[in-house]
Amino acid sequence: MKRNKFLTLILSAGFILGCDNGLEELNVDPNSAVSVSPSTLLTTAQYTFYDRLAGPAVNAGWGLLMTQQWAENEYTQDQRYNQTVSTFNATWTEVYVSVLKELDAAKTLVEAQDVSDAIKTNRTNILNVMSAQAYGFLTDSFGAIPYTESLDTEIDLPAYDSQETVYKGILSTLEEARNSFNTSSPSFDSGDVLYNGNVNNWIKLTNSLMLKYAMRLADIDPGTASTYVTMASSNLISSNEEDALFTFDSAPDRSNPLWQNVNLDNRDDYAVSEFLVTTLNDLGDPRLEVYANPAAGGSIVGLEYGLTDNAATALKASTSRPGDAVRAATTPHVVMSYAEVQFLLAEAYERGILSGDAETAYNNAVTASMNYWGIEDAAAIADYLSNNPYDAGNWKESIGVQKWIALYAKGIEAWNEWRRLDFPALSAPAAAVINTIPVRMPYPLSETTANGTSLSAVSSNPADMTTKVWWDVN
């Protein structure tokens, strides 16, 4: 049996098991197909994807470590870049099987629904924008990935596409969605955890994502970047109230995975880094008190990043853990925020792609981040901006450092932007097993084993973490 068909059977089995509450089977014909609502598949895909991005493996154990915002305080192999080719087996499989295939199945079900064409288009667009994010995560993390053949059940070993192909496909998908959303018709009446089917908000998210992905190409393909940045520049997320947030539930099994890591799994593996604490203290940044809890001595104390197991364990009791607001049960995963949009606009203005004032956008971004984390004192924020003003002559550092701070707890995006903007200035720790900070994830062993022929066509070293991805040219 072909591998992709096998994965489809796994999904079908999951649907059946997920619908079993104990008695319903008495009223179901065992010989008939199981009917699944596309809204249910959307919910499943959203939860699976954002739970993965927010959780220990991808967010804490990679993104927050690669950007040196957190440090491991006992088992320190990840911050010393001692990952194995099995590290991201589950992530790779889950995104393809439980996110992308769910969304693809939902699109087929939407097409068969007895609703207007406008409603079908809105629903399909939402599913496509979700798929664009999933492919974006995969290609930003690994580089070349199966894309054009990835969901074709007739292809046993899907080919890998270049990151350029994937990126242009993502931007085209977002363009088609933004141009065909119909604000006069509804979309999903249930199942959409981000915006509850609000088409206007989905249009703003689509444009904001297009702006982000287009700006990521500014150094490698300025023509494509300019085209899509210009296209996306109106009707963006325009306030914190419009942020795309996946809010976790207070029920333990649907809660923030970082809360689960501490409270259900009884893990205590992370401290805030000394670099984070020193940087925010030097800037006089009030977000530090939200980002970190006081240590046993009553003050916030960061842990030196990149220590060996023994050295880190010796300091574990005296260093600060991440703040409660970061690891609360219902703390949302931020899909896209007003602060991110404003940082992107500041860069687009500075590069001359769009006309506007970069300093104003920078100030808006910092203010929005402060407000998001509960800092509302306008005078205090104004003082902070006065003490840390935008520097047009060194705009990458101004934007890079403040974006790094604003993307706290959104580790993968912070890593993406650090690779692109190269600020703040980070270096590999002395105890690391390689001498540079990883700039890509190692391809999973599961893919080397199952699809090795296709993978070998794009990589002679699947475990490589030091070769930059296509858009990371500086």
Protein backbone atom coordinates (compact mmCIF):
# COMPACT_ATOMS: atom_id res chain seq x y z
CA MET A 1 0.00 0.00 0.00
CA LYS A 2 1.28 3.45 -0.82
CA ARG A 3 2.49 5.56 2.09
CA ASN A 4 0.12 8.49 1.52
CA LYS A 5 -2.84 6.12 1.27
CA PHE A 6 -1.75 4.55 4.54
CA LEU A 7 -1.74 7.97 6.20
CA THR A 8 -5.25 8.62 4.89
CA LEU A 9 -6.41 5.41 6.54
CA ILE A 10 -4.83 6.54 9.79
CA LEU A 11 -6.79 9.76 9.62
CA SER A 12 -10.03 7.94 8.88
CA ALA A 13 -9.49 5.69 11.86
CA GLY A 14 -8.86 8.74 14.00
CA PHE A 15 -12.15 10.29 12.94
CA ILE A 16 -14.03 7.15 13.89
CA LEU A 17 -12.37 6.83 17.28
CA GLY A 18 -12.81 10.52 17.99
CA CYS A 19 -16.59 10.25 17.51
CA ASP A 20 -17.05 7.29 19.87
CA ASN A 21 -18.82 8.36 23.07
CA GLY A 22 -19.93 4.87 24.06
CA LEU A 23 -23.49 4.56 22.77
CA GLU A 24 -23.63 6.20 19.35
CA GLU A 25 -22.44 3.05 17.59
CA LEU A 26 -25.78 1.42 18.35
CA ASN A 27 -27.40 3.83 15.88
CA VAL A 28 -24.74 3.69 13.14
CA ASP A 29 -24.76 1.36 10.17
CA PRO A 30 -21.30 -0.28 10.35
CA ASN A 31 -21.26 -0.65 6.58
CA SER A 32 -21.77 3.06 5.82
CA ALA A 33 -19.12 5.75 5.59
CA VAL A 34 -18.48 8.01 8.56
CA SER A 35 -19.64 11.58 7.96
CA VAL A 36 -17.30 14.30 9.20
CA SER A 37 -18.05 18.00 9.19
CA PRO A 38 -15.40 20.20 7.55
CA SER A 39 -15.70 22.55 10.54
CA THR A 40 -14.60 19.68 12.78
CA LEU A 41 -11.57 19.07 10.59
CA LEU A 42 -10.74 22.79 10.69
CA THR A 43 -10.84 22.78 14.49
CA THR A 44 -8.64 19.68 14.59
CA ALA A 45 -6.12 21.19 12.20
CA GLN A 46 -6.00 24.53 14.04
CA TYR A 47 -5.57 22.91 17.42
CA THR A 48 -2.96 20.42 16.22
CA PHE A 49 -0.92 23.02 14.38
CA TYR A 50 -0.93 25.79 16.97
CA ASP A 51 -0.51 23.38 19.86
CA ARG A 52 2.60 22.06 18.12
CA LEU A 53 3.99 25.57 17.44
CA ALA A 54 3.35 26.68 21.02
CA GLY A 55 4.56 23.56 22.77
CA PRO A 56 7.76 22.23 24.32
CA ALA A 57 9.29 20.52 21.27
CA VAL A 58 9.10 23.36 18.73
CA ASN A 59 8.67 26.50 20.81
CA ALA A 60 10.54 25.89 24.06
CA GLY A 61 12.97 23.19 22.97
CA TRP A 62 13.94 24.90 19.73
CA GLY A 63 12.76 28.45 19.02
CA LEU A 64 13.21 29.94 22.49
CA LEU A 65 16.59 28.21 22.77
CA MET A 66 17.88 29.12 19.32
CA THR A 67 17.06 32.78 20.07
CA GLN A 68 18.59 32.45 23.56
CA GLN A 69 15.53 33.80 25.36
CA TRP A 70 15.32 30.69 27.50
CA ALA A 71 18.03 28.39 28.81
CA GLU A 72 17.88 24.75 29.82
CA ASN A 73 18.55 24.25 33.50
CA GLU A 74 19.22 20.52 33.73
CA TYR A 75 19.13 18.47 30.54
CA THR A 76 20.98 20.83 28.25
CA GLN A 77 21.57 18.97 25.00
CA ASP A 78 19.18 21.10 22.95
CA GLN A 79 20.83 24.42 23.83
CA ARG A 80 24.18 22.86 22.99
CA TYR A 81 22.79 21.88 19.56
CA ASN A 82 23.06 18.17 20.20
CA GLN A 83 19.81 17.36 18.41
CA THR A 84 19.39 14.06 16.61
CA VAL A 85 17.73 13.19 13.31
CA SER A 86 14.78 11.88 15.33
CA THR A 87 14.12 15.19 17.06
CA PHE A 88 11.42 16.36 14.67
CA ASN A 89 9.89 13.07 13.53
CA ALA A 90 6.62 13.80 15.32
CA THR A 91 6.51 17.42 14.18
CA TRP A 92 7.01 16.56 10.51
CA THR A 93 4.44 13.76 10.54
CA GLU A 94 1.89 15.69 12.56
CA VAL A 95 1.95 18.76 10.31
CA TYR A 96 1.59 16.71 7.14
CA VAL A 97 -0.89 14.12 8.45
CA SER A 98 -2.92 15.87 11.12
CA VAL A 99 -2.88 19.39 9.72
CA LEU A 100 -2.40 19.49 5.94
CA LYS A 101 -4.32 16.31 5.17
CA GLU A 102 -7.14 17.36 7.49
CA LEU A 103 -7.40 20.70 5.73
CA ASP A 104 -7.31 19.03 2.32
CA ALA A 105 -10.06 16.62 3.34
CA ALA A 106 -12.10 19.54 4.66
CA LYS A 107 -11.85 21.30 1.28
CA THR A 108 -13.31 18.25 -0.44
CA LEU A 109 -16.18 18.17 2.05
CA VAL A 110 -16.84 21.90 1.62
CA GLU A 111 -17.14 21.45 -2.13
CA ALA A 112 -19.86 18.85 -1.59
CA GLN A 113 -21.89 20.98 0.85
CA ASP A 114 -25.31 22.31 -0.07
CA VAL A 115 -24.44 25.97 0.45
CA SER A 116 -23.91 28.93 -1.85
CA ASP A 117 -20.77 29.26 -3.95
CA ALA A 118 -19.81 32.38 -1.96
CA ILE A 119 -19.91 30.45 1.32
CA LYS A 120 -17.90 27.61 -0.24
CA THR A 121 -15.31 30.11 -1.44
CA ASN A 122 -14.98 31.73 1.98
CA ARG A 123 -14.64 28.38 3.70
CA THR A 124 -12.13 27.11 1.15
CA ASN A 125 -10.11 30.31 1.48
CA ILE A 126 -9.85 29.89 5.25
CA LEU A 127 -8.67 26.31 4.78
CA ASN A 128 -6.12 27.44 2.18
CA VAL A 129 -4.79 30.23 4.42
CA MET A 130 -4.34 27.64 7.18
CA SER A 131 -2.47 25.36 4.74
CA ALA A 132 -0.23 28.24 3.68
CA GLN A 133 0.84 28.71 7.29
CA ALA A 134 1.61 25.01 7.71
CA TYR A 135 3.74 24.90 4.56
CA GLY A 136 5.36 28.16 5.65
CA PHE A 137 6.41 26.62 8.96
CA LEU A 138 7.80 23.52 7.27
CA THR A 139 9.82 25.31 4.61
CA ASP A 140 11.15 27.97 6.99
CA SER A 141 12.29 25.23 9.35
CA PHE A 142 13.68 22.63 6.94
CA GLY A 143 14.16 24.35 3.57
CA ALA A 144 13.07 22.22 0.61
CA ILE A 145 9.98 20.13 1.42
CA PRO A 146 7.35 18.02 -0.34
CA TYR A 147 4.84 20.58 -1.55
CA THR A 148 3.27 20.18 -4.99
CA GLU A 149 3.03 16.39 -4.61
CA SER A 150 2.65 16.22 -0.85
CA LEU A 151 -1.10 15.53 -0.73
CA ASP A 152 -1.40 13.46 -3.89
CA THR A 153 -2.50 10.00 -2.75
CA GLU A 154 -1.42 8.50 -6.08
CA ILE A 155 2.23 9.38 -5.48
CA ASP A 156 4.15 7.00 -3.29
CA LEU A 157 7.31 9.11 -2.80
CA PRO A 158 6.51 12.81 -3.16
CA ALA A 159 9.27 14.95 -4.59
CA TYR A 160 10.80 17.82 -2.67
CA ASP A 161 10.24 21.35 -3.97
CA SER A 162 12.71 24.19 -3.57
CA GLN A 163 11.95 26.81 -0.97
CA GLU A 164 11.54 29.33 -3.78
CA THR A 165 8.78 27.19 -5.31
CA VAL A 166 7.07 26.74 -1.95
CA TYR A 167 7.24 30.44 -1.11
CA LYS A 168 5.83 31.53 -4.45
CA GLY A 169 3.09 28.95 -4.03
CA ILE A 170 2.25 30.26 -0.56
CA LEU A 171 2.09 33.85 -1.79
CA SER A 172 -0.07 32.84 -4.75
CA THR A 173 -2.43 30.97 -2.42
CA LEU A 174 -2.77 34.03 -0.18
CA GLU A 175 -3.29 36.27 -3.20
CA GLU A 176 -6.11 34.10 -4.49
CA ALA A 177 -7.75 34.05 -1.05
CA ARG A 178 -7.54 37.80 -0.46
CA ASN A 179 -8.99 38.47 -3.91
CA SER A 180 -11.91 36.06 -3.61
CA PHE A 181 -13.12 36.39 -0.02
CA ASN A 182 -16.74 37.61 -0.07
CA THR A 183 -17.63 39.89 2.83
CA SER A 184 -21.31 39.74 1.93
CA SER A 185 -21.47 36.03 2.79
CA PRO A 186 -20.59 34.07 5.93
CA SER A 187 -18.00 31.32 6.17
CA PHE A 188 -17.84 28.65 8.87
CA ASP A 189 -20.64 28.97 11.41
CA SER A 190 -18.62 26.85 13.86
CA GLY A 191 -15.20 25.29 14.19
CA ASP A 192 -13.00 28.33 13.55
CA VAL A 193 -11.18 28.99 16.81
CA LEU A 194 -9.26 32.03 15.51
CA TYR A 195 -12.00 34.36 14.30
CA ASN A 196 -15.25 32.39 14.60
CA GLY A 197 -15.70 32.61 10.84
CA ASN A 198 -15.44 36.41 10.64
CA VAL A 199 -14.53 36.99 6.99
CA ASN A 200 -13.31 40.56 7.50
CA ASN A 201 -10.80 39.41 10.09
CA TRP A 202 -9.66 36.55 7.86
CA ILE A 203 -8.99 39.02 5.06
CA LYS A 204 -6.85 41.10 7.43
CA LEU A 205 -4.96 38.02 8.58
CA THR A 206 -4.42 36.91 4.98
CA ASN A 207 -2.96 40.28 4.02
CA SER A 208 -0.82 40.35 7.16
CA LEU A 209 0.57 36.88 6.45
CA MET A 210 1.27 37.91 2.86
CA LEU A 211 3.17 40.93 4.16
CA LYS A 212 5.23 38.69 6.45
CA TYR A 213 6.11 36.08 3.85
CA ALA A 214 6.84 38.71 1.21
CA MET A 215 9.18 40.65 3.50
CA ARG A 216 11.02 37.42 4.20
CA LEU A 217 12.10 37.48 0.55
CA ALA A 218 13.32 41.09 0.58
CA ASP A 219 17.01 40.16 0.43
CA ILE A 220 16.81 37.17 -1.91
CA ASP A 221 14.04 38.21 -4.34
CA PRO A 222 13.29 41.92 -3.95
CA GLY A 223 11.02 41.98 -7.01
CA THR A 224 8.64 39.35 -5.69
CA ALA A 225 8.85 40.89 -2.23
CA SER A 226 7.90 44.32 -3.53
CA THR A 227 4.99 43.00 -5.58
CA TYR A 228 3.39 41.16 -2.69
CA VAL A 229 4.22 43.73 0.00
CA THR A 230 2.49 46.36 -2.10
CA MET A 231 -0.47 44.06 -2.69
CA ALA A 232 -0.81 43.28 1.02
CA SER A 233 -0.30 46.80 2.33
CA SER A 234 -3.96 47.71 2.84
CA ASN A 235 -6.54 46.11 5.13
CA LEU A 236 -4.03 44.66 7.55
CA ILE A 237 -4.43 43.77 11.22
CA SER A 238 -4.73 47.28 12.64
CA SER A 239 -5.04 46.90 16.42
CA ASN A 240 -4.37 44.42 19.22
CA GLU A 241 -8.09 43.68 19.21
CA GLU A 242 -7.69 42.18 15.74
CA ASP A 243 -4.72 39.95 16.63
CA ALA A 244 -5.07 36.38 15.39
CA LEU A 245 -4.99 34.41 18.63
CA PHE A 246 -5.48 30.71 19.21
CA THR A 247 -6.69 30.74 22.80
CA PHE A 248 -6.23 27.52 24.70
CA ASP A 249 -8.92 26.13 26.98
CA SER A 250 -8.86 25.96 30.75
CA ALA A 251 -9.59 22.22 30.55
CA PRO A 252 -6.23 20.53 31.20
CA ASP A 253 -6.24 18.38 28.06
CA ARG A 254 -6.88 21.43 25.85
CA SER A 255 -4.73 23.93 27.72
CA ASN A 256 -1.56 25.78 26.77
CA PRO A 257 1.04 23.05 26.13
CA LEU A 258 3.62 25.01 28.14
CA TRP A 259 1.22 24.88 31.11
CA GLN A 260 0.77 21.16 30.55
CA ASN A 261 4.53 20.70 30.43
CA VAL A 262 4.87 22.09 33.95
CA ASN A 263 1.61 21.09 35.59
CA LEU A 264 0.72 17.77 33.98
CA ASP A 265 4.12 16.45 32.94
CA ASN A 266 5.83 17.82 36.07
CA ARG A 267 8.71 19.24 34.06
CA ASP A 268 10.92 22.12 35.17
CA ASP A 269 13.47 22.29 32.37
CA TYR A 270 13.66 25.98 31.49
CA ALA A 271 14.85 29.23 33.02
CA VAL A 272 14.88 32.65 31.41
CA SER A 273 18.30 33.31 30.00
CA GLU A 274 20.86 35.67 31.40
CA PHE A 275 21.00 37.29 27.97
CA LEU A 276 17.28 38.07 28.03
CA VAL A 277 17.42 39.49 31.53
CA THR A 278 20.53 41.58 30.86
CA THR A 279 19.18 42.92 27.57
CA LEU A 280 15.82 43.97 28.99
CA ASN A 281 17.40 45.44 32.13
CA ASP A 282 19.83 47.46 30.03
CA LEU A 283 16.93 48.84 27.99
CA GLY A 284 14.82 49.54 31.06
CA ASP A 285 12.14 47.31 29.60
CA PRO A 286 9.07 46.79 31.84
CA ARG A 287 8.14 43.60 29.97
CA LEU A 288 10.83 41.76 31.92
CA GLU A 289 8.56 41.52 34.97
CA VAL A 290 5.94 39.82 32.81
CA TYR A 291 8.35 37.61 30.92
CA ALA A 292 10.03 36.21 34.05
CA ASN A 293 9.20 35.33 37.63
CA PRO A 294 11.49 36.35 40.50
CA ALA A 295 13.98 33.73 41.62
CA ALA A 296 14.12 32.42 45.17
CA GLY A 297 16.03 35.51 46.31
CA GLY A 298 13.25 37.84 45.18
CA SER A 299 14.83 39.33 42.06
CA ILE A 300 14.83 38.19 38.46
CA VAL A 301 18.00 36.21 37.76
CA GLY A 302 18.78 34.79 34.34
CA LEU A 303 20.61 31.53 33.71
CA GLU A 304 23.68 31.57 31.51
CA TYR A 305 22.78 30.07 28.16
CA GLY A 306 24.46 26.96 26.79
CA LEU A 307 25.88 25.43 29.96
CA THR A 308 26.58 21.73 30.41
CA ASP A 309 24.18 19.58 32.42
CA ASN A 310 26.16 19.81 35.64
CA ALA A 311 26.85 23.53 35.42
CA ALA A 312 23.22 24.35 34.68
CA THR A 313 21.88 22.07 37.42
CA ALA A 314 24.08 23.79 39.96
CA LEU A 315 22.34 27.13 39.19
CA LYS A 316 18.82 25.78 38.74
CA ALA A 317 17.52 26.66 42.19
CA SER A 318 18.75 30.25 42.08
CA THR A 319 17.51 31.34 38.66
CA SER A 320 14.19 32.61 37.34
CA ARG A 321 11.49 30.67 35.53
CA PRO A 322 9.36 32.08 32.69
CA GLY A 323 6.54 34.33 33.86
CA ASP A 324 3.12 33.02 34.82
CA ALA A 325 1.49 35.00 32.01
CA VAL A 326 3.56 33.05 29.48
CA ARG A 327 2.71 29.63 30.84
CA ALA A 328 -0.87 30.09 32.06
CA ALA A 329 -3.39 27.45 30.99
CA THR A 330 -5.27 29.82 28.69
CA THR A 331 -2.36 31.89 27.38
CA PRO A 332 -2.98 32.05 23.61
CA HIS A 333 -0.65 31.23 20.80
CA VAL A 334 -0.18 34.42 18.79
CA VAL A 335 -0.64 33.56 15.12
CA MET A 336 -0.17 37.15 13.88
CA SER A 337 -0.21 40.39 15.84
CA TYR A 338 -0.59 44.09 15.24
CA ALA A 339 2.92 44.56 16.64
CA GLU A 340 4.37 42.21 14.01
CA VAL A 341 2.51 44.03 11.25
CA GLN A 342 3.89 47.38 12.38
CA PHE A 343 7.46 46.07 12.53
CA LEU A 344 7.05 44.73 8.99
CA LEU A 345 5.71 48.06 7.80
CA ALA A 346 8.61 49.90 9.44
CA GLU A 347 10.99 47.71 7.48
CA ALA A 348 9.04 48.13 4.24
CA TYR A 349 9.16 51.92 4.68
CA GLU A 350 12.87 51.84 5.45
CA ARG A 351 13.60 49.70 2.40
CA GLY A 352 11.56 52.06 0.21
CA ILE A 353 9.06 49.38 -0.81
CA LEU A 354 6.20 51.40 0.67
CA SER A 355 5.82 55.08 1.51
CA GLY A 356 5.48 55.81 5.19
CA ASP A 357 7.30 56.78 8.35
CA ALA A 358 9.41 53.93 9.71
CA GLU A 359 9.87 55.52 13.13
CA THR A 360 6.12 55.87 13.64
CA ALA A 361 5.55 52.24 12.71
CA TYR A 362 8.39 51.17 15.02
CA ASN A 363 6.86 53.16 17.89
CA ASN A 364 3.46 51.67 17.14
CA ALA A 365 4.95 48.17 17.22
CA VAL A 366 6.69 48.60 20.56
CA THR A 367 3.60 50.22 22.07
CA ALA A 368 1.38 47.41 20.80
CA SER A 369 3.69 44.80 22.31
CA MET A 370 3.73 46.61 25.65
CA ASN A 371 -0.06 46.85 25.63
CA TYR A 372 -0.45 43.19 24.72
CA TRP A 373 1.52 42.19 27.82
CA GLY A 374 -0.58 44.47 30.03
CA ILE A 375 1.67 47.54 30.16
CA GLU A 376 -0.72 50.46 29.56
CA ASP A 377 1.09 53.43 31.15
CA ALA A 378 1.42 55.77 28.15
CA ALA A 379 3.98 57.99 29.88
CA ALA A 380 6.17 55.02 30.78
CA ILE A 381 6.00 53.72 27.22
CA ALA A 382 6.85 57.15 25.85
CA ASP A 383 9.89 57.32 28.15
CA TYR A 384 10.96 53.88 26.99
CA LEU A 385 10.75 54.91 23.34
CA SER A 386 12.63 58.10 24.09
CA ASN A 387 15.40 56.11 25.74
CA ASN A 388 15.42 53.49 22.97
CA PRO A 389 14.65 55.48 19.82
CA TYR A 390 14.45 54.16 16.30
CA ASP A 391 17.78 54.48 14.48
CA ALA A 392 17.26 54.75 10.73
CA GLY A 393 21.00 54.45 10.18
CA ASN A 394 21.00 51.05 11.89
CA TRP A 395 17.43 50.00 11.27
CA LYS A 396 18.05 46.27 11.23
CA GLU A 397 19.33 46.42 14.79
CA SER A 398 16.51 48.71 15.97
CA ILE A 399 13.83 46.52 14.45
CA GLY A 400 15.65 43.25 15.07
CA VAL A 401 16.16 43.74 18.81
CA GLN A 402 12.69 45.08 19.48
CA LYS A 403 11.06 42.39 17.35
CA TRP A 404 13.05 39.75 19.24
CA ILE A 405 11.60 41.14 22.47
CA ALA A 406 8.06 41.40 21.10
CA LEU A 407 8.14 37.82 19.75
CA TYR A 408 8.93 36.41 23.19
CA ALA A 409 7.20 33.04 23.68
CA LYS A 410 6.67 32.79 19.92
CA GLY A 411 9.96 31.02 19.47
CA ILE A 412 9.82 29.90 15.85
CA GLU A 413 8.93 33.37 14.54
CA ALA A 414 11.64 34.94 16.70
CA TRP A 415 14.12 32.45 15.21
CA ASN A 416 12.91 33.20 11.68
CA GLU A 417 13.34 36.94 12.14
CA TRP A 418 16.68 36.60 13.91
CA ARG A 419 17.99 34.58 10.95
CA ARG A 420 16.74 37.25 8.55
CA LEU A 421 17.65 40.46 10.41
CA ASP A 422 20.70 39.11 12.30
CA PHE A 423 19.84 40.97 15.51
CA PRO A 424 20.25 40.77 18.38
CA ALA A 425 23.85 39.65 18.04
CA LEU A 426 23.99 36.05 19.25
CA SER A 427 26.75 33.46 19.21
CA ALA A 428 27.02 29.77 19.93
CA PRO A 429 27.98 28.89 23.53
CA ALA A 430 31.35 27.39 24.32
CA ALA A 431 29.84 24.02 25.26
CA ALA A 432 27.96 23.64 21.97
CA VAL A 433 28.72 20.62 19.79
CA ILE A 434 28.81 22.81 16.67
CA ASN A 435 30.32 26.29 16.50
CA THR A 436 27.34 28.15 15.02
CA ILE A 437 23.72 28.57 16.05
CA PRO A 438 21.53 26.24 13.98
CA VAL A 439 19.85 27.97 11.05
CA ARG A 440 17.69 25.04 9.99
CA MET A 441 16.10 21.99 11.57
CA PRO A 442 17.55 18.56 10.73
CA TYR A 443 15.33 16.52 8.43
CA PRO A 444 13.60 13.77 10.41
CA LEU A 445 14.86 10.21 10.36
CA SER A 446 11.36 9.06 9.49
CA GLU A 447 11.59 10.91 6.17
CA THR A 448 15.10 9.67 5.46
CA THR A 449 13.81 6.13 5.91
CA ALA A 450 10.46 6.44 4.11
CA ASN A 451 11.27 8.93 1.35
CA GLY A 452 15.04 8.86 1.18
CA THR A 453 15.28 8.94 -2.61
CA SER A 454 13.38 12.21 -2.85
CA LEU A 455 15.19 13.71 0.13
CA SER A 456 18.60 12.79 -1.25
CA ALA A 457 17.84 14.82 -4.37
CA VAL A 458 17.88 18.02 -2.29
CA SER A 459 20.20 17.16 0.62
CA SER A 460 23.32 15.06 0.94
CA ASN A 461 23.32 15.61 4.71
CA PRO A 462 19.80 15.47 6.20
CA ALA A 463 21.21 16.14 9.68
CA ASP A 464 22.69 19.48 8.56
CA MET A 465 21.76 22.43 10.79
CA THR A 466 24.29 24.98 9.54
CA THR A 467 23.45 25.59 5.86
CA LYS A 468 21.20 28.62 5.54
CA VAL A 469 17.77 28.35 3.98
CA TRP A 470 17.12 30.08 0.65
CA TRP A 471 15.95 33.45 1.96
CA ASP A 472 18.65 33.75 4.66
CA VAL A 473 21.37 35.39 2.58
CA ASN A 474 23.11 37.67 5.11
